[in-house]
Amino acid sequence: MKSWLFEGMLTAAIALPALTGAAWAGGTNDYGCSNATLKGEYAFGGTNYTNVEVFNGIKVFDGNGHLTQRDYSGGGVPVEFAPPGQETGTYTVKPDCTGSMVLAGLAEGVINVLFVISDGGRHIREVVSPPLGSTVPIPVQTSVDDWKVASEQNY
């Protein structure tokens, strides 16, 4: 009886750390992203294939689900970035590093954005989804890439 008990305890002692390691190695769907993953300034550039235009600018995420941005669309008049504080939005990040944004104050009105975070929060890949209140599909082909504005030392 003592031999069986000892063998069971030994097996459990060996298996428990292995199982714990498997969970830490990605055994769940929790990849560790949250609203706090996006904090600070991000330079962005994008292309609207529907209206054939390019744009760039800077977004500032607060880490709590709010953002501001200043952008310039190529061919816009006047030739300058949007005024500070004009473009604002909210965002939500899921644990799997996907998320969504709603941006207001742009010339296009309110837009929805779906995104994926990569490189530990240093890169965001966005696509524009149909506008708020849309009940039918609207063909929008716009993609955007955002990059963290900070040196590797500061990140």
N, C-alpha and C. Protein backbone atom coordinates (compact mmCIF):
# COMPACT_ATOMS: atom_id res chain seq x y z
N MET A 1 0.82 -1.19 0.00
CA MET A 1 0.00 0.00 0.00
C MET A 1 0.86 1.25 0.00
N LYS A 2 1.90 1.27 0.84
CA LYS A 2 2.78 2.43 0.90
C LYS A 2 3.48 2.65 -0.44
N SER A 3 3.86 1.56 -1.12
CA SER A 3 4.52 1.69 -2.41
C SER A 3 3.59 2.34 -3.44
N TRP A 4 2.33 1.94 -3.47
CA TRP A 4 1.35 2.50 -4.40
C TRP A 4 1.13 3.98 -4.11
N LEU A 5 0.99 4.35 -2.85
CA LEU A 5 0.80 5.73 -2.45
C LEU A 5 2.02 6.58 -2.85
N PHE A 6 3.21 6.04 -2.60
CA PHE A 6 4.43 6.76 -2.95
C PHE A 6 4.52 6.98 -4.46
N GLU A 7 4.21 5.93 -5.27
CA GLU A 7 4.26 6.05 -6.72
C GLU A 7 3.25 7.08 -7.23
N GLY A 8 2.08 7.13 -6.62
CA GLY A 8 1.05 8.11 -7.02
C GLY A 8 1.49 9.53 -6.72
N MET A 9 2.08 9.72 -5.54
CA MET A 9 2.56 11.06 -5.17
C MET A 9 3.71 11.48 -6.08
N LEU A 10 4.60 10.55 -6.41
CA LEU A 10 5.73 10.85 -7.28
C LEU A 10 5.23 11.23 -8.68
N THR A 11 4.26 10.49 -9.19
CA THR A 11 3.69 10.79 -10.50
C THR A 11 3.05 12.16 -10.51
N ALA A 12 2.29 12.48 -9.47
CA ALA A 12 1.65 13.80 -9.38
C ALA A 12 2.68 14.91 -9.29
N ALA A 13 3.75 14.67 -8.52
CA ALA A 13 4.79 15.69 -8.37
C ALA A 13 5.49 15.97 -9.69
N ILE A 14 5.62 14.96 -10.54
CA ILE A 14 6.26 15.14 -11.84
C ILE A 14 5.29 15.77 -12.84
N ALA A 15 4.02 15.34 -12.83
CA ALA A 15 3.04 15.80 -13.82
C ALA A 15 2.57 17.21 -13.57
N LEU A 16 2.42 17.62 -12.32
CA LEU A 16 1.87 18.94 -12.01
C LEU A 16 2.69 20.08 -12.62
N PRO A 17 4.00 20.12 -12.46
CA PRO A 17 4.75 21.20 -13.11
C PRO A 17 4.66 21.15 -14.63
N ALA A 18 4.60 19.96 -15.20
CA ALA A 18 4.49 19.86 -16.66
C ALA A 18 3.16 20.41 -17.14
N LEU A 19 2.08 20.11 -16.43
CA LEU A 19 0.77 20.63 -16.82
C LEU A 19 0.71 22.13 -16.64
N THR A 20 1.28 22.64 -15.58
CA THR A 20 1.30 24.08 -15.35
C THR A 20 2.07 24.78 -16.47
N GLY A 21 3.19 24.21 -16.90
CA GLY A 21 3.97 24.77 -17.99
C GLY A 21 3.20 24.79 -19.29
N ALA A 22 2.39 23.74 -19.53
CA ALA A 22 1.60 23.70 -20.75
C ALA A 22 0.59 24.83 -20.78
N ALA A 23 0.01 25.13 -19.65
CA ALA A 23 -0.96 26.23 -19.59
C ALA A 23 -0.27 27.56 -19.85
N TRP A 24 0.91 27.76 -19.32
CA TRP A 24 1.64 29.02 -19.54
C TRP A 24 2.14 29.14 -20.97
N ALA A 25 2.31 28.00 -21.64
CA ALA A 25 2.85 28.03 -23.00
C ALA A 25 1.77 28.25 -24.06
N GLY A 26 0.62 28.72 -23.67
CA GLY A 26 -0.41 29.04 -24.65
C GLY A 26 -1.52 28.01 -24.69
N GLY A 27 -1.73 27.30 -23.61
CA GLY A 27 -2.77 26.30 -23.56
C GLY A 27 -4.16 26.89 -23.44
N THR A 28 -4.29 28.21 -23.35
CA THR A 28 -5.59 28.85 -23.28
C THR A 28 -5.68 29.90 -24.38
N ASN A 29 -6.83 30.54 -24.49
CA ASN A 29 -7.00 31.60 -25.48
C ASN A 29 -6.65 32.97 -24.93
N ASP A 30 -6.12 33.07 -23.73
CA ASP A 30 -5.76 34.34 -23.13
C ASP A 30 -4.34 34.71 -23.53
N TYR A 31 -4.23 35.59 -24.53
CA TYR A 31 -2.91 35.99 -25.03
C TYR A 31 -2.36 37.20 -24.28
N GLY A 32 -3.15 37.79 -23.41
CA GLY A 32 -2.63 38.85 -22.58
C GLY A 32 -2.83 40.26 -23.07
N CYS A 33 -3.64 40.51 -24.10
CA CYS A 33 -3.89 41.88 -24.53
C CYS A 33 -5.08 42.46 -23.79
N SER A 34 -5.05 43.78 -23.62
CA SER A 34 -6.15 44.52 -23.00
C SER A 34 -6.08 45.95 -23.51
N ASN A 35 -7.00 46.79 -23.08
CA ASN A 35 -6.94 48.20 -23.47
C ASN A 35 -5.59 48.81 -23.10
N ALA A 36 -5.00 48.36 -22.00
CA ALA A 36 -3.72 48.90 -21.55
C ALA A 36 -2.57 48.57 -22.51
N THR A 37 -2.76 47.56 -23.39
CA THR A 37 -1.72 47.23 -24.37
C THR A 37 -1.44 48.41 -25.29
N LEU A 38 -2.48 49.19 -25.58
CA LEU A 38 -2.32 50.36 -26.44
C LEU A 38 -2.24 51.61 -25.59
N LYS A 39 -1.04 52.12 -25.44
CA LYS A 39 -0.83 53.33 -24.66
C LYS A 39 0.31 54.11 -25.28
N GLY A 40 0.07 55.39 -25.54
CA GLY A 40 1.10 56.23 -26.12
C GLY A 40 0.80 56.59 -27.55
N GLU A 41 1.83 57.09 -28.23
CA GLU A 41 1.68 57.61 -29.60
C GLU A 41 2.00 56.53 -30.62
N TYR A 42 1.19 56.50 -31.68
CA TYR A 42 1.36 55.58 -32.80
C TYR A 42 1.27 56.38 -34.10
N ALA A 43 2.30 56.29 -34.92
CA ALA A 43 2.25 56.87 -36.26
C ALA A 43 1.49 55.90 -37.14
N PHE A 44 0.67 56.43 -38.07
CA PHE A 44 -0.07 55.53 -38.95
C PHE A 44 -0.07 56.03 -40.37
N GLY A 45 -0.25 55.10 -41.27
CA GLY A 45 -0.41 55.39 -42.68
C GLY A 45 -1.40 54.41 -43.26
N GLY A 46 -2.22 54.88 -44.19
CA GLY A 46 -3.23 53.99 -44.74
C GLY A 46 -3.59 54.33 -46.16
N THR A 47 -4.35 53.42 -46.75
CA THR A 47 -4.84 53.59 -48.11
C THR A 47 -6.32 53.28 -48.15
N ASN A 48 -7.08 54.19 -48.73
CA ASN A 48 -8.50 53.97 -48.98
C ASN A 48 -8.59 53.58 -50.46
N TYR A 49 -8.81 52.31 -50.69
CA TYR A 49 -8.87 51.82 -52.08
C TYR A 49 -10.20 52.14 -52.74
N THR A 50 -11.24 52.41 -51.93
CA THR A 50 -12.55 52.73 -52.48
C THR A 50 -12.53 54.11 -53.13
N ASN A 51 -11.98 55.11 -52.43
CA ASN A 51 -11.91 56.48 -52.95
C ASN A 51 -10.55 56.83 -53.51
N VAL A 52 -9.64 55.89 -53.55
CA VAL A 52 -8.28 56.04 -54.03
C VAL A 52 -7.61 57.27 -53.41
N GLU A 53 -7.28 57.13 -52.13
CA GLU A 53 -6.54 58.18 -51.42
C GLU A 53 -5.64 57.54 -50.38
N VAL A 54 -4.61 58.27 -50.02
CA VAL A 54 -3.71 57.85 -48.96
C VAL A 54 -3.81 58.87 -47.83
N PHE A 55 -3.45 58.44 -46.64
CA PHE A 55 -3.51 59.34 -45.49
C PHE A 55 -2.49 58.88 -44.46
N ASN A 56 -2.13 59.78 -43.57
CA ASN A 56 -1.23 59.43 -42.47
C ASN A 56 -1.53 60.34 -41.29
N GLY A 57 -0.92 60.02 -40.16
CA GLY A 57 -1.14 60.83 -38.98
C GLY A 57 -0.59 60.17 -37.74
N ILE A 58 -1.12 60.60 -36.62
CA ILE A 58 -0.68 60.07 -35.33
C ILE A 58 -1.90 59.88 -34.43
N LYS A 59 -1.92 58.72 -33.76
CA LYS A 59 -2.95 58.41 -32.77
C LYS A 59 -2.30 58.41 -31.40
N VAL A 60 -3.05 58.81 -30.40
CA VAL A 60 -2.58 58.75 -29.02
C VAL A 60 -3.61 57.95 -28.22
N PHE A 61 -3.21 56.76 -27.77
CA PHE A 61 -4.05 55.90 -26.95
C PHE A 61 -3.76 56.16 -25.47
N ASP A 62 -4.81 56.19 -24.63
CA ASP A 62 -4.59 56.46 -23.21
C ASP A 62 -4.46 55.21 -22.35
N GLY A 63 -4.60 54.02 -22.95
CA GLY A 63 -4.51 52.78 -22.18
C GLY A 63 -5.80 52.41 -21.46
N ASN A 64 -6.81 53.28 -21.56
CA ASN A 64 -8.09 53.06 -20.87
C ASN A 64 -9.28 53.03 -21.82
N GLY A 65 -9.04 52.97 -23.13
CA GLY A 65 -10.13 52.87 -24.08
C GLY A 65 -10.50 54.16 -24.79
N HIS A 66 -9.69 55.20 -24.66
CA HIS A 66 -9.95 56.47 -25.36
C HIS A 66 -8.72 56.84 -26.20
N LEU A 67 -8.97 57.55 -27.31
CA LEU A 67 -7.87 57.97 -28.16
C LEU A 67 -8.19 59.29 -28.84
N THR A 68 -7.14 59.93 -29.27
CA THR A 68 -7.26 61.11 -30.14
C THR A 68 -6.36 60.84 -31.34
N GLN A 69 -6.64 61.50 -32.43
CA GLN A 69 -5.76 61.37 -33.59
C GLN A 69 -5.76 62.65 -34.39
N ARG A 70 -4.70 62.83 -35.13
CA ARG A 70 -4.58 63.92 -36.10
C ARG A 70 -4.15 63.27 -37.39
N ASP A 71 -4.91 63.50 -38.45
CA ASP A 71 -4.53 62.90 -39.72
C ASP A 71 -4.58 63.91 -40.84
N TYR A 72 -3.93 63.52 -41.93
CA TYR A 72 -3.96 64.30 -43.16
C TYR A 72 -4.26 63.34 -44.29
N SER A 73 -5.26 63.64 -45.07
CA SER A 73 -5.59 62.85 -46.25
C SER A 73 -4.96 63.52 -47.45
N GLY A 74 -4.22 62.74 -48.23
CA GLY A 74 -3.59 63.27 -49.43
C GLY A 74 -4.60 63.96 -50.32
N GLY A 75 -4.25 65.14 -50.80
CA GLY A 75 -5.13 65.88 -51.68
C GLY A 75 -6.12 66.77 -50.94
N GLY A 76 -6.08 66.73 -49.60
CA GLY A 76 -6.99 67.56 -48.82
C GLY A 76 -6.56 69.01 -48.81
N VAL A 77 -7.53 69.88 -48.62
CA VAL A 77 -7.26 71.31 -48.53
C VAL A 77 -7.91 71.82 -47.26
N PRO A 78 -7.22 72.51 -46.38
CA PRO A 78 -5.83 72.95 -46.51
C PRO A 78 -4.87 71.77 -46.30
N VAL A 79 -3.65 71.97 -46.77
CA VAL A 79 -2.63 70.94 -46.68
C VAL A 79 -2.01 70.98 -45.29
N GLU A 80 -2.70 70.37 -44.34
CA GLU A 80 -2.21 70.29 -42.96
C GLU A 80 -2.98 69.21 -42.22
N PHE A 81 -2.47 68.86 -41.04
CA PHE A 81 -3.12 67.85 -40.21
C PHE A 81 -4.37 68.45 -39.57
N ALA A 82 -5.30 67.58 -39.20
CA ALA A 82 -6.50 68.02 -38.51
C ALA A 82 -6.11 68.75 -37.22
N PRO A 83 -6.91 69.70 -36.78
CA PRO A 83 -6.59 70.42 -35.53
C PRO A 83 -6.58 69.48 -34.34
N PRO A 84 -5.71 69.74 -33.35
CA PRO A 84 -5.68 68.90 -32.15
C PRO A 84 -7.06 68.87 -31.48
N GLY A 85 -7.46 67.68 -31.04
CA GLY A 85 -8.72 67.52 -30.32
C GLY A 85 -9.95 67.34 -31.19
N GLN A 86 -9.82 67.52 -32.50
CA GLN A 86 -10.99 67.39 -33.39
C GLN A 86 -11.39 65.93 -33.56
N GLU A 87 -10.42 65.04 -33.71
CA GLU A 87 -10.68 63.63 -33.97
C GLU A 87 -10.49 62.84 -32.68
N THR A 88 -11.57 62.24 -32.21
CA THR A 88 -11.52 61.48 -30.96
C THR A 88 -12.18 60.12 -31.18
N GLY A 89 -11.96 59.23 -30.23
CA GLY A 89 -12.58 57.93 -30.36
C GLY A 89 -12.44 57.08 -29.12
N THR A 90 -13.03 55.91 -29.22
CA THR A 90 -12.94 54.91 -28.16
C THR A 90 -12.46 53.61 -28.79
N TYR A 91 -11.87 52.75 -27.96
CA TYR A 91 -11.41 51.47 -28.46
C TYR A 91 -11.58 50.40 -27.38
N THR A 92 -11.69 49.17 -27.85
CA THR A 92 -11.79 48.01 -26.96
C THR A 92 -10.85 46.94 -27.49
N VAL A 93 -10.02 46.38 -26.60
CA VAL A 93 -9.09 45.32 -26.96
C VAL A 93 -9.51 44.05 -26.24
N LYS A 94 -9.59 42.96 -26.99
CA LYS A 94 -9.93 41.65 -26.43
C LYS A 94 -8.66 40.91 -26.03
N PRO A 95 -8.77 39.92 -25.14
CA PRO A 95 -7.58 39.16 -24.72
C PRO A 95 -6.83 38.49 -25.86
N ASP A 96 -7.51 38.19 -26.99
CA ASP A 96 -6.83 37.55 -28.12
C ASP A 96 -6.12 38.55 -29.03
N CYS A 97 -6.02 39.81 -28.59
CA CYS A 97 -5.30 40.88 -29.30
C CYS A 97 -6.03 41.38 -30.55
N THR A 98 -7.33 41.14 -30.64
CA THR A 98 -8.16 41.77 -31.65
C THR A 98 -8.94 42.87 -30.96
N GLY A 99 -9.47 43.80 -31.74
CA GLY A 99 -10.23 44.87 -31.12
C GLY A 99 -11.00 45.70 -32.11
N SER A 100 -11.63 46.74 -31.59
CA SER A 100 -12.41 47.64 -32.43
C SER A 100 -12.26 49.07 -31.92
N MET A 101 -12.46 50.02 -32.85
CA MET A 101 -12.42 51.45 -32.55
C MET A 101 -13.62 52.11 -33.19
N VAL A 102 -14.06 53.19 -32.59
CA VAL A 102 -15.04 54.08 -33.20
C VAL A 102 -14.40 55.46 -33.19
N LEU A 103 -14.25 56.07 -34.38
CA LEU A 103 -13.63 57.37 -34.52
C LEU A 103 -14.65 58.40 -34.97
N ALA A 104 -14.62 59.58 -34.37
CA ALA A 104 -15.52 60.68 -34.73
C ALA A 104 -14.71 61.93 -34.99
N GLY A 105 -15.34 62.90 -35.65
CA GLY A 105 -14.69 64.17 -35.92
C GLY A 105 -13.91 64.19 -37.21
N LEU A 106 -14.00 63.14 -38.00
CA LEU A 106 -13.32 63.08 -39.29
C LEU A 106 -14.23 63.62 -40.37
N ALA A 107 -13.65 63.99 -41.49
CA ALA A 107 -14.45 64.49 -42.62
C ALA A 107 -15.46 63.45 -43.08
N GLU A 108 -15.12 62.16 -42.91
CA GLU A 108 -16.00 61.07 -43.33
C GLU A 108 -17.13 60.83 -42.34
N GLY A 109 -17.13 61.51 -41.20
CA GLY A 109 -18.12 61.26 -40.15
C GLY A 109 -17.58 60.23 -39.17
N VAL A 110 -18.46 59.46 -38.59
CA VAL A 110 -18.09 58.42 -37.63
C VAL A 110 -17.76 57.15 -38.39
N ILE A 111 -16.62 56.55 -38.07
CA ILE A 111 -16.26 55.29 -38.72
C ILE A 111 -15.93 54.23 -37.68
N ASN A 112 -16.14 52.99 -38.08
CA ASN A 112 -15.78 51.83 -37.26
C ASN A 112 -14.50 51.22 -37.80
N VAL A 113 -13.66 50.74 -36.92
CA VAL A 113 -12.41 50.12 -37.31
C VAL A 113 -12.27 48.80 -36.55
N LEU A 114 -11.85 47.76 -37.23
CA LEU A 114 -11.48 46.49 -36.61
C LEU A 114 -9.97 46.37 -36.72
N PHE A 115 -9.31 45.81 -35.69
CA PHE A 115 -7.85 45.74 -35.74
C PHE A 115 -7.31 44.50 -35.05
N VAL A 116 -6.03 44.24 -35.34
CA VAL A 116 -5.27 43.18 -34.71
C VAL A 116 -3.96 43.80 -34.21
N ILE A 117 -3.59 43.47 -32.99
CA ILE A 117 -2.34 43.97 -32.38
C ILE A 117 -1.27 42.91 -32.55
N SER A 118 -0.05 43.34 -32.91
CA SER A 118 1.07 42.41 -33.00
C SER A 118 2.31 43.04 -32.38
N ASP A 119 3.36 42.25 -32.32
CA ASP A 119 4.67 42.69 -31.83
C ASP A 119 4.57 43.29 -30.44
N GLY A 120 3.80 42.65 -29.56
CA GLY A 120 3.70 43.09 -28.17
C GLY A 120 3.08 44.47 -28.01
N GLY A 121 2.27 44.89 -28.97
CA GLY A 121 1.63 46.20 -28.89
C GLY A 121 2.34 47.28 -29.68
N ARG A 122 3.41 46.92 -30.38
CA ARG A 122 4.15 47.92 -31.16
C ARG A 122 3.55 48.14 -32.55
N HIS A 123 2.70 47.22 -33.03
CA HIS A 123 2.12 47.33 -34.37
C HIS A 123 0.63 47.02 -34.31
N ILE A 124 -0.15 47.78 -35.06
CA ILE A 124 -1.59 47.55 -35.18
C ILE A 124 -1.93 47.49 -36.66
N ARG A 125 -2.70 46.51 -37.05
CA ARG A 125 -3.17 46.38 -38.44
C ARG A 125 -4.68 46.60 -38.42
N GLU A 126 -5.16 47.60 -39.15
CA GLU A 126 -6.57 47.99 -39.12
C GLU A 126 -7.25 47.81 -40.47
N VAL A 127 -8.56 47.58 -40.41
CA VAL A 127 -9.43 47.68 -41.58
C VAL A 127 -10.67 48.45 -41.16
N VAL A 128 -11.20 49.24 -42.07
CA VAL A 128 -12.41 50.01 -41.79
C VAL A 128 -13.60 49.11 -42.05
N SER A 129 -14.52 49.07 -41.08
CA SER A 129 -15.74 48.28 -41.23
C SER A 129 -16.89 49.22 -41.56
N PRO A 130 -18.07 48.70 -41.87
CA PRO A 130 -19.19 49.57 -42.26
C PRO A 130 -19.49 50.65 -41.22
N PRO A 131 -19.98 51.80 -41.66
CA PRO A 131 -20.29 52.91 -40.75
C PRO A 131 -21.36 52.54 -39.72
N LEU A 132 -21.38 53.26 -38.61
CA LEU A 132 -22.39 53.04 -37.58
C LEU A 132 -23.78 53.21 -38.16
N GLY A 133 -24.70 52.38 -37.74
CA GLY A 133 -26.08 52.49 -38.18
C GLY A 133 -26.35 51.87 -39.54
N SER A 134 -25.32 51.34 -40.18
CA SER A 134 -25.51 50.74 -41.49
C SER A 134 -26.27 49.43 -41.35
N THR A 135 -27.32 49.25 -42.14
CA THR A 135 -28.09 48.01 -42.11
C THR A 135 -27.82 47.15 -43.34
N VAL A 136 -27.07 47.67 -44.28
CA VAL A 136 -26.70 46.90 -45.47
C VAL A 136 -25.19 46.97 -45.65
N PRO A 137 -24.59 45.95 -46.26
CA PRO A 137 -23.14 46.01 -46.48
C PRO A 137 -22.77 47.20 -47.37
N ILE A 138 -21.72 47.90 -46.97
CA ILE A 138 -21.21 49.03 -47.75
C ILE A 138 -19.77 48.70 -48.12
N PRO A 139 -19.46 48.69 -49.41
CA PRO A 139 -18.10 48.32 -49.80
C PRO A 139 -17.09 49.39 -49.40
N VAL A 140 -16.29 49.07 -48.41
CA VAL A 140 -15.24 49.97 -47.95
C VAL A 140 -13.95 49.15 -47.93
N GLN A 141 -12.97 49.58 -48.66
CA GLN A 141 -11.70 48.89 -48.70
C GLN A 141 -10.61 49.86 -48.26
N THR A 142 -10.40 49.90 -46.96
CA THR A 142 -9.39 50.78 -46.39
C THR A 142 -8.56 49.98 -45.40
N SER A 143 -7.25 50.07 -45.53
CA SER A 143 -6.36 49.41 -44.58
C SER A 143 -5.38 50.42 -44.00
N VAL A 144 -5.01 50.19 -42.75
CA VAL A 144 -4.14 51.12 -42.03
C VAL A 144 -3.13 50.31 -41.21
N ASP A 145 -1.90 50.79 -41.14
CA ASP A 145 -0.88 50.23 -40.26
C ASP A 145 -0.44 51.31 -39.29
N ASP A 146 -0.37 50.95 -38.01
CA ASP A 146 0.08 51.86 -36.95
C ASP A 146 1.35 51.28 -36.32
N TRP A 147 2.31 52.15 -36.01
CA TRP A 147 3.56 51.74 -35.37
C TRP A 147 3.80 52.59 -34.14
N LYS A 148 4.19 51.96 -33.07
CA LYS A 148 4.50 52.65 -31.81
C LYS A 148 5.61 53.65 -32.03
N VAL A 149 5.41 54.89 -31.55
CA VAL A 149 6.41 55.94 -31.67
C VAL A 149 7.22 55.95 -30.37
N ALA A 150 8.26 55.16 -30.34
CA ALA A 150 9.15 55.08 -29.19
C ALA A 150 10.33 54.22 -29.58
N SER A 151 11.47 54.51 -29.01
CA SER A 151 12.62 53.67 -29.30
C SER A 151 12.45 52.35 -28.57
N GLU A 152 13.16 51.34 -28.98
CA GLU A 152 13.11 50.04 -28.33
C GLU A 152 13.50 50.16 -26.86
N GLN A 153 14.36 51.12 -26.53
CA GLN A 153 14.80 51.30 -25.15
C GLN A 153 13.66 51.80 -24.26
N ASN A 154 12.75 52.58 -24.84
CA ASN A 154 11.67 53.14 -24.05
C ASN A 154 10.45 52.25 -23.97
N TYR A 155 10.51 51.08 -24.59
CA TYR A 155 9.33 50.24 -24.63
C TYR A 155 9.45 49.09 -23.69
